[in-house]
Amino acid sequence: MCCGIIFKGKFYSEVSKPSVEWIWNNRITAEGAVYLAKGLMVNTCLQIGKNPMQSPGAYAIVNAMKNNPESTLIELELTDITVNNDFVELCKEVQHLRPSMKISHGGTGGAAFKPKARPAPMKILKNYIEDNQMRLLDLFNTLDKDKSMNLTVKEFADGLKETGIDMNYYELYKLIEGLDKNKDGEINYSELVMGSMEQQMEDRKDKIKEKAQSARRKRILSPVPPR
């Protein structure tokens, strides 16, 4: 079986884990999801995410996973989809049977129920480094087991998964895509530093934006002084 990612209709070669296929941003409808679910009854390795199917299609896919104990599907990301309570209960059943399975969705409706947006992949990585009181070089050296000062995409992905960092497969793919600047299939320390610096710039922009929004809220909510 050919392994990799189908992203916006284009196939990308294997990123990290053998015999795992991803489907992202391919405009799968609810009807298409039902047919895909039937395929899951017999196929075992598939990654799905960011497709505009509705709750019935999402339910069909998760139900197919439940009915296929041989499936090695490990992650299902449907964060753009608002689901119903039946879907939530089905997810609980599946995750009880398969504790390692990750299922993400867009909540059961309304802003109050929508999951909080996750940080950018490089921000997740920087947070992990800071939380563990590491330097960027420490992380690179941990991943660079053969001390070649270059990490293949597979070495980088497998190494990050071994650390237990809270990053899903799509985020890992986007991180690698952003770091491998020259697209040679390897990540060196300079590329990692560059990615970290770019994230620092984004963090500064976010802080400036947050400060401006906070000042605007204060102006709006502050009582008008009496004349």
C-alpha atoms as a PDB file:
ATOM      1  CA  MET A   1       0.000   0.000   0.000  1.00  0.00           C
ATOM      2  CA  CYS A   2       1.361   3.452  -0.908  1.00  0.00           C
ATOM      3  CA  CYS A   3       1.703   5.613   2.196  1.00  0.00           C
ATOM      4  CA  GLY A   4       1.626   9.338   2.691  1.00  0.00           C
ATOM      5  CA  ILE A   5      -0.693  12.310   2.837  1.00  0.00           C
ATOM      6  CA  ILE A   6      -3.390  13.524   0.480  1.00  0.00           C
ATOM      7  CA  PHE A   7      -3.511  17.269   1.208  1.00  0.00           C
ATOM      8  CA  LYS A   8      -5.727  19.630  -0.845  1.00  0.00           C
ATOM      9  CA  GLY A   9      -5.951  16.981  -3.537  1.00  0.00           C
ATOM     10  CA  LYS A  10      -2.173  16.492  -3.845  1.00  0.00           C
ATOM     11  CA  PHE A  11      -0.296  13.390  -2.680  1.00  0.00           C
ATOM     12  CA  TYR A  12       2.790  13.857  -0.514  1.00  0.00           C
ATOM     13  CA  SER A  13       5.214  11.047   0.222  1.00  0.00           C
ATOM     14  CA  GLU A  14       5.594   9.404   3.627  1.00  0.00           C
ATOM     15  CA  VAL A  15       6.299  11.808   6.476  1.00  0.00           C
ATOM     16  CA  SER A  16       6.729   9.731   9.582  1.00  0.00           C
ATOM     17  CA  LYS A  17       4.745   6.608  10.282  1.00  0.00           C
ATOM     18  CA  PRO A  18       4.697   3.707   7.802  1.00  0.00           C
ATOM     19  CA  SER A  19       1.380   2.394   6.485  1.00  0.00           C
ATOM     20  CA  VAL A  20      -0.572   5.479   7.471  1.00  0.00           C
ATOM     21  CA  GLU A  21      -2.476   7.457   4.871  1.00  0.00           C
ATOM     22  CA  TRP A  22      -3.875  10.929   5.563  1.00  0.00           C
ATOM     23  CA  ILE A  23      -6.746  12.749   3.853  1.00  0.00           C
ATOM     24  CA  TRP A  24      -6.872  16.506   4.460  1.00  0.00           C
ATOM     25  CA  ASN A  25      -8.812  19.356   2.824  1.00  0.00           C
ATOM     26  CA  ASN A  26     -10.259  17.271  -0.005  1.00  0.00           C
ATOM     27  CA  ARG A  27     -13.868  18.523   0.285  1.00  0.00           C
ATOM     28  CA  ILE A  28     -15.370  15.208   1.341  1.00  0.00           C
ATOM     29  CA  THR A  29     -19.136  15.636   1.688  1.00  0.00           C
ATOM     30  CA  ALA A  30     -21.419  13.837   4.145  1.00  0.00           C
ATOM     31  CA  GLU A  31     -22.363  11.350   1.416  1.00  0.00           C
ATOM     32  CA  GLY A  32     -18.701  10.792   0.562  1.00  0.00           C
ATOM     33  CA  ALA A  33     -17.954  10.201   4.232  1.00  0.00           C
ATOM     34  CA  VAL A  34     -20.486   7.368   4.338  1.00  0.00           C
ATOM     35  CA  TYR A  35     -18.740   5.642   1.417  1.00  0.00           C
ATOM     36  CA  LEU A  36     -15.386   6.278   3.074  1.00  0.00           C
ATOM     37  CA  ALA A  37     -16.736   4.698   6.253  1.00  0.00           C
ATOM     38  CA  LYS A  38     -17.619   1.554   4.298  1.00  0.00           C
ATOM     39  CA  GLY A  39     -14.003   1.427   3.143  1.00  0.00           C
ATOM     40  CA  LEU A  40     -12.841   1.639   6.738  1.00  0.00           C
ATOM     41  CA  MET A  41     -14.659  -1.594   7.448  1.00  0.00           C
ATOM     42  CA  VAL A  42     -11.903  -3.365   5.536  1.00  0.00           C
ATOM     43  CA  ASN A  43      -9.015  -0.872   5.320  1.00  0.00           C
ATOM     44  CA  THR A  44      -6.882  -0.348   8.369  1.00  0.00           C
ATOM     45  CA  CYS A  45      -4.609   2.658   7.880  1.00  0.00           C
ATOM     46  CA  LEU A  46      -6.091   6.079   7.216  1.00  0.00           C
ATOM     47  CA  GLN A  47      -5.797   9.631   8.525  1.00  0.00           C
ATOM     48  CA  ILE A  48      -8.704  12.022   7.976  1.00  0.00           C
ATOM     49  CA  GLY A  49      -8.978  15.718   8.706  1.00  0.00           C
ATOM     50  CA  LYS A  50     -10.360  19.125   7.716  1.00  0.00           C
ATOM     51  CA  ASN A  51     -13.021  17.952   5.287  1.00  0.00           C
ATOM     52  CA  PRO A  52     -16.443  19.648   5.167  1.00  0.00           C
ATOM     53  CA  MET A  53     -18.542  16.579   5.955  1.00  0.00           C
ATOM     54  CA  GLN A  54     -21.416  17.020   8.397  1.00  0.00           C
ATOM     55  CA  SER A  55     -22.218  15.235  11.653  1.00  0.00           C
ATOM     56  CA  PRO A  56     -23.884  12.192   9.976  1.00  0.00           C
ATOM     57  CA  GLY A  57     -20.754  11.609   7.861  1.00  0.00           C
ATOM     58  CA  ALA A  58     -18.498  11.957  10.905  1.00  0.00           C
ATOM     59  CA  TYR A  59     -20.732   9.520  12.809  1.00  0.00           C
ATOM     60  CA  ALA A  60     -20.527   6.996   9.956  1.00  0.00           C
ATOM     61  CA  ILE A  61     -16.726   7.080   9.976  1.00  0.00           C
ATOM     62  CA  VAL A  62     -16.400   6.653  13.752  1.00  0.00           C
ATOM     63  CA  ASN A  63     -19.035   3.899  13.739  1.00  0.00           C
ATOM     64  CA  ALA A  64     -17.055   2.065  11.039  1.00  0.00           C
ATOM     65  CA  MET A  65     -13.984   2.290  13.261  1.00  0.00           C
ATOM     66  CA  LYS A  66     -15.976   0.828  16.136  1.00  0.00           C
ATOM     67  CA  ASN A  67     -17.086  -2.080  13.943  1.00  0.00           C
ATOM     68  CA  ASN A  68     -13.582  -2.796  12.643  1.00  0.00           C
ATOM     69  CA  PRO A  69     -11.490  -4.039  15.601  1.00  0.00           C
ATOM     70  CA  GLU A  70      -8.587  -4.732  13.228  1.00  0.00           C
ATOM     71  CA  SER A  71      -8.340  -1.086  12.172  1.00  0.00           C
ATOM     72  CA  THR A  72      -5.070   0.656  13.040  1.00  0.00           C
ATOM     73  CA  LEU A  73      -6.522   4.112  12.565  1.00  0.00           C
ATOM     74  CA  ILE A  74      -4.916   6.213  15.293  1.00  0.00           C
ATOM     75  CA  GLU A  75      -6.170   9.755  14.804  1.00  0.00           C
ATOM     76  CA  LEU A  76      -9.304  11.394  13.458  1.00  0.00           C
ATOM     77  CA  GLU A  77      -9.421  15.172  13.262  1.00  0.00           C
ATOM     78  CA  LEU A  78     -12.762  16.765  12.402  1.00  0.00           C
ATOM     79  CA  THR A  79     -12.268  20.117  14.105  1.00  0.00           C
ATOM     80  CA  ASP A  80     -14.215  22.011  11.436  1.00  0.00           C
ATOM     81  CA  ILE A  81     -17.349  19.921  12.014  1.00  0.00           C
ATOM     82  CA  THR A  82     -20.072  20.678  14.555  1.00  0.00           C
ATOM     83  CA  VAL A  83     -21.335  17.340  15.855  1.00  0.00           C
ATOM     84  CA  ASN A  84     -24.348  16.133  17.833  1.00  0.00           C
ATOM     85  CA  ASN A  85     -24.636  14.348  21.176  1.00  0.00           C
ATOM     86  CA  ASP A  86     -24.968  10.931  19.497  1.00  0.00           C
ATOM     87  CA  PHE A  87     -21.554  11.467  17.913  1.00  0.00           C
ATOM     88  CA  VAL A  88     -20.030  12.484  21.264  1.00  0.00           C
ATOM     89  CA  GLU A  89     -21.399   9.346  22.964  1.00  0.00           C
ATOM     90  CA  LEU A  90     -20.104   7.161  20.116  1.00  0.00           C
ATOM     91  CA  CYS A  91     -16.645   8.726  20.486  1.00  0.00           C
ATOM     92  CA  LYS A  92     -16.665   7.817  24.182  1.00  0.00           C
ATOM     93  CA  GLU A  93     -17.468   4.186  23.291  1.00  0.00           C
ATOM     94  CA  VAL A  94     -14.677   4.014  20.703  1.00  0.00           C
ATOM     95  CA  GLN A  95     -12.106   5.632  22.978  1.00  0.00           C
ATOM     96  CA  HIS A  96     -13.074   3.274  25.787  1.00  0.00           C
ATOM     97  CA  LEU A  97     -12.376   0.342  23.469  1.00  0.00           C
ATOM     98  CA  ARG A  98      -9.250   1.963  22.028  1.00  0.00           C
ATOM     99  CA  PRO A  99      -7.666   4.330  24.596  1.00  0.00           C
ATOM    100  CA  SER A 100      -4.842   5.367  22.257  1.00  0.00           C
ATOM    101  CA  MET A 101      -7.290   6.638  19.623  1.00  0.00           C
ATOM    102  CA  LYS A 102      -7.460  10.429  19.280  1.00  0.00           C
ATOM    103  CA  ILE A 103     -10.696  12.001  18.024  1.00  0.00           C
ATOM    104  CA  SER A 104     -11.034  15.783  17.688  1.00  0.00           C
ATOM    105  CA  HIS A 105     -14.186  17.604  16.559  1.00  0.00           C
ATOM    106  CA  GLY A 106     -15.754  21.074  16.481  1.00  0.00           C
ATOM    107  CA  GLY A 107     -18.027  20.676  19.484  1.00  0.00           C
ATOM    108  CA  THR A 108     -21.787  20.325  19.742  1.00  0.00           C
ATOM    109  CA  GLY A 109     -22.686  23.818  18.580  1.00  0.00           C
ATOM    110  CA  GLY A 110     -22.180  27.439  19.531  1.00  0.00           C
ATOM    111  CA  ALA A 111     -19.079  29.325  20.601  1.00  0.00           C
ATOM    112  CA  ALA A 112     -19.403  28.103  24.183  1.00  0.00           C
ATOM    113  CA  PHE A 113     -19.004  24.501  23.030  1.00  0.00           C
ATOM    114  CA  LYS A 114     -16.323  25.016  20.404  1.00  0.00           C
ATOM    115  CA  PRO A 115     -12.852  23.759  21.379  1.00  0.00           C
ATOM    116  CA  LYS A 116     -10.218  26.414  21.898  1.00  0.00           C
ATOM    117  CA  ALA A 117      -8.026  26.942  18.858  1.00  0.00           C
ATOM    118  CA  ARG A 118      -4.681  25.180  19.174  1.00  0.00           C
ATOM    119  CA  PRO A 119      -1.406  27.094  18.895  1.00  0.00           C
ATOM    120  CA  ALA A 120       0.713  26.957  15.767  1.00  0.00           C
ATOM    121  CA  PRO A 121       2.869  23.788  15.589  1.00  0.00           C
ATOM    122  CA  MET A 122       6.116  25.720  16.157  1.00  0.00           C
ATOM    123  CA  LYS A 123       4.509  27.410  19.175  1.00  0.00           C
ATOM    124  CA  ILE A 124       3.620  23.974  20.583  1.00  0.00           C
ATOM    125  CA  LEU A 125       7.247  22.933  20.117  1.00  0.00           C
ATOM    126  CA  LYS A 126       8.588  26.115  21.769  1.00  0.00           C
ATOM    127  CA  ASN A 127       6.193  25.673  24.696  1.00  0.00           C
ATOM    128  CA  TYR A 128       7.399  22.094  25.129  1.00  0.00           C
ATOM    129  CA  ILE A 129      11.043  23.248  25.188  1.00  0.00           C
ATOM    130  CA  GLU A 130      10.306  25.988  27.733  1.00  0.00           C
ATOM    131  CA  ASP A 131       8.154  23.745  29.943  1.00  0.00           C
ATOM    132  CA  ASN A 132      10.985  21.197  30.104  1.00  0.00           C
ATOM    133  CA  GLN A 133      13.636  23.873  30.726  1.00  0.00           C
ATOM    134  CA  MET A 134      15.527  22.941  27.598  1.00  0.00           C
ATOM    135  CA  ARG A 135      17.362  24.880  24.936  1.00  0.00           C
ATOM    136  CA  LEU A 136      16.606  24.470  21.256  1.00  0.00           C
ATOM    137  CA  LEU A 137      20.053  22.883  20.887  1.00  0.00           C
ATOM    138  CA  ASP A 138      19.244  20.384  23.652  1.00  0.00           C
ATOM    139  CA  LEU A 139      16.158  19.232  21.754  1.00  0.00           C
ATOM    140  CA  PHE A 140      18.062  18.959  18.474  1.00  0.00           C
ATOM    141  CA  ASN A 141      20.845  16.933  20.086  1.00  0.00           C
ATOM    142  CA  THR A 142      18.261  14.600  21.647  1.00  0.00           C
ATOM    143  CA  LEU A 143      16.715  13.947  18.235  1.00  0.00           C
ATOM    144  CA  ASP A 144      20.075  13.746  16.409  1.00  0.00           C
ATOM    145  CA  LYS A 145      20.993  10.270  17.630  1.00  0.00           C
ATOM    146  CA  ASP A 146      23.749   9.703  15.044  1.00  0.00           C
ATOM    147  CA  LYS A 147      25.225  13.200  15.676  1.00  0.00           C
ATOM    148  CA  SER A 148      25.211  14.019  11.975  1.00  0.00           C
ATOM    149  CA  MET A 149      23.794  17.529  12.618  1.00  0.00           C
ATOM    150  CA  ASN A 150      21.073  16.687  10.116  1.00  0.00           C
ATOM    151  CA  LEU A 151      17.732  15.033  10.792  1.00  0.00           C
ATOM    152  CA  THR A 152      15.786  13.224   8.133  1.00  0.00           C
ATOM    153  CA  VAL A 153      12.070  14.014   8.176  1.00  0.00           C
ATOM    154  CA  LYS A 154      11.442  10.541   9.599  1.00  0.00           C
ATOM    155  CA  GLU A 155      14.066  10.965  12.333  1.00  0.00           C
ATOM    156  CA  PHE A 156      12.580  14.323  13.294  1.00  0.00           C
ATOM    157  CA  ALA A 157       8.979  13.044  13.342  1.00  0.00           C
ATOM    158  CA  ASP A 158       9.786   9.807  15.178  1.00  0.00           C
ATOM    159  CA  GLY A 159      11.954  11.674  17.688  1.00  0.00           C
ATOM    160  CA  LEU A 160       9.233  14.192  18.505  1.00  0.00           C
ATOM    161  CA  LYS A 161       6.686  11.404  18.974  1.00  0.00           C
ATOM    162  CA  GLU A 162       9.065   9.678  21.391  1.00  0.00           C
ATOM    163  CA  THR A 163       9.176  12.818  23.541  1.00  0.00           C
ATOM    164  CA  GLY A 164       5.412  12.600  24.061  1.00  0.00           C
ATOM    165  CA  ILE A 165       4.859  16.159  22.860  1.00  0.00           C
ATOM    166  CA  ASP A 166       1.165  17.037  22.476  1.00  0.00           C
ATOM    167  CA  MET A 167       1.078  17.382  18.699  1.00  0.00           C
ATOM    168  CA  ASN A 168      -1.228  15.599  16.278  1.00  0.00           C
ATOM    169  CA  TYR A 169      -0.180  14.220  12.913  1.00  0.00           C
ATOM    170  CA  TYR A 170      -1.459  17.181  10.905  1.00  0.00           C
ATOM    171  CA  GLU A 171       0.397  19.628  13.170  1.00  0.00           C
ATOM    172  CA  LEU A 172       3.537  17.516  12.860  1.00  0.00           C
ATOM    173  CA  TYR A 173       3.216  17.593   9.071  1.00  0.00           C
ATOM    174  CA  LYS A 174       2.767  21.374   9.047  1.00  0.00           C
ATOM    175  CA  LEU A 175       5.763  21.808  11.374  1.00  0.00           C
ATOM    176  CA  ILE A 176       7.989  19.745   9.087  1.00  0.00           C
ATOM    177  CA  GLU A 177       6.682  21.530   5.997  1.00  0.00           C
ATOM    178  CA  GLY A 178       7.588  24.892   7.564  1.00  0.00           C
ATOM    179  CA  LEU A 179      11.031  23.883   8.850  1.00  0.00           C
ATOM    180  CA  ASP A 180      12.338  22.063   5.786  1.00  0.00           C
ATOM    181  CA  LYS A 181      12.985  25.306   3.923  1.00  0.00           C
ATOM    182  CA  ASN A 182      14.933  23.850   1.005  1.00  0.00           C
ATOM    183  CA  LYS A 183      12.646  20.799   0.717  1.00  0.00           C
ATOM    184  CA  ASP A 184      15.557  18.349   0.750  1.00  0.00           C
ATOM    185  CA  GLY A 185      13.825  15.961   3.174  1.00  0.00           C
ATOM    186  CA  GLU A 186      16.139  16.932   6.039  1.00  0.00           C
ATOM    187  CA  ILE A 187      16.021  19.413   8.913  1.00  0.00           C
ATOM    188  CA  ASN A 188      19.273  20.879  10.177  1.00  0.00           C
ATOM    189  CA  TYR A 189      19.868  22.980  13.261  1.00  0.00           C
ATOM    190  CA  SER A 190      19.901  26.242  11.288  1.00  0.00           C
ATOM    191  CA  GLU A 191      16.427  25.521   9.911  1.00  0.00           C
ATOM    192  CA  LEU A 192      15.172  24.768  13.428  1.00  0.00           C
ATOM    193  CA  VAL A 193      16.630  28.062  14.703  1.00  0.00           C
ATOM    194  CA  MET A 194      15.053  29.944  11.811  1.00  0.00           C
ATOM    195  CA  GLY A 195      11.688  28.394  12.590  1.00  0.00           C
ATOM    196  CA  SER A 196      12.051  29.392  16.234  1.00  0.00           C
ATOM    197  CA  MET A 197      12.906  32.991  15.300  1.00  0.00           C
ATOM    198  CA  GLU A 198       9.909  33.210  12.975  1.00  0.00           C
ATOM    199  CA  GLN A 199       7.677  31.998  15.803  1.00  0.00           C
ATOM    200  CA  GLN A 200       9.156  34.628  18.144  1.00  0.00           C
ATOM    201  CA  MET A 201       8.170  37.307  15.626  1.00  0.00           C
ATOM    202  CA  GLU A 202       4.639  35.898  15.474  1.00  0.00           C
ATOM    203  CA  ASP A 203       4.485  35.879  19.284  1.00  0.00           C
ATOM    204  CA  ARG A 204       5.461  39.555  19.383  1.00  0.00           C
ATOM    205  CA  LYS A 205       2.762  40.401  16.828  1.00  0.00           C
ATOM    206  CA  ASP A 206       0.191  38.506  18.903  1.00  0.00           C
ATOM    207  CA  LYS A 207       1.207  40.387  22.064  1.00  0.00           C
ATOM    208  CA  ILE A 208       0.908  43.763  20.307  1.00  0.00           C
ATOM    209  CA  LYS A 209      -2.482  42.764  18.914  1.00  0.00           C
ATOM    210  CA  GLU A 210      -3.670  41.505  22.299  1.00  0.00           C
ATOM    211  CA  LYS A 211      -2.500  44.717  23.996  1.00  0.00           C
ATOM    212  CA  ALA A 212      -4.349  46.858  21.447  1.00  0.00           C
ATOM    213  CA  GLN A 213      -7.539  44.803  21.860  1.00  0.00           C
ATOM    214  CA  SER A 214      -7.300  45.063  25.648  1.00  0.00           C
ATOM    215  CA  ALA A 215      -6.922  48.859  25.441  1.00  0.00           C
ATOM    216  CA  ARG A 216      -9.907  49.063  23.088  1.00  0.00           C
ATOM    217  CA  ARG A 217     -12.059  46.992  25.468  1.00  0.00           C
ATOM    218  CA  LYS A 218     -11.124  49.276  28.349  1.00  0.00           C
ATOM    219  CA  ARG A 219     -12.110  52.351  26.334  1.00  0.00           C
ATOM    220  CA  ILE A 220     -15.436  50.800  25.395  1.00  0.00           C
ATOM    221  CA  LEU A 221     -16.282  49.522  28.874  1.00  0.00           C
ATOM    222  CA  SER A 222     -14.967  52.455  30.900  1.00  0.00           C
ATOM    223  CA  PRO A 223     -17.735  54.807  32.084  1.00  0.00           C
ATOM    224  CA  VAL A 224     -17.838  58.209  30.440  1.00  0.00           C
ATOM    225  CA  PRO A 225     -16.544  60.747  32.963  1.00  0.00           C
ATOM    226  CA  PRO A 226     -19.136  63.329  34.029  1.00  0.00           C
ATOM    227  CA  ARG A 227     -18.814  66.800  32.512  1.00  0.00           C
END
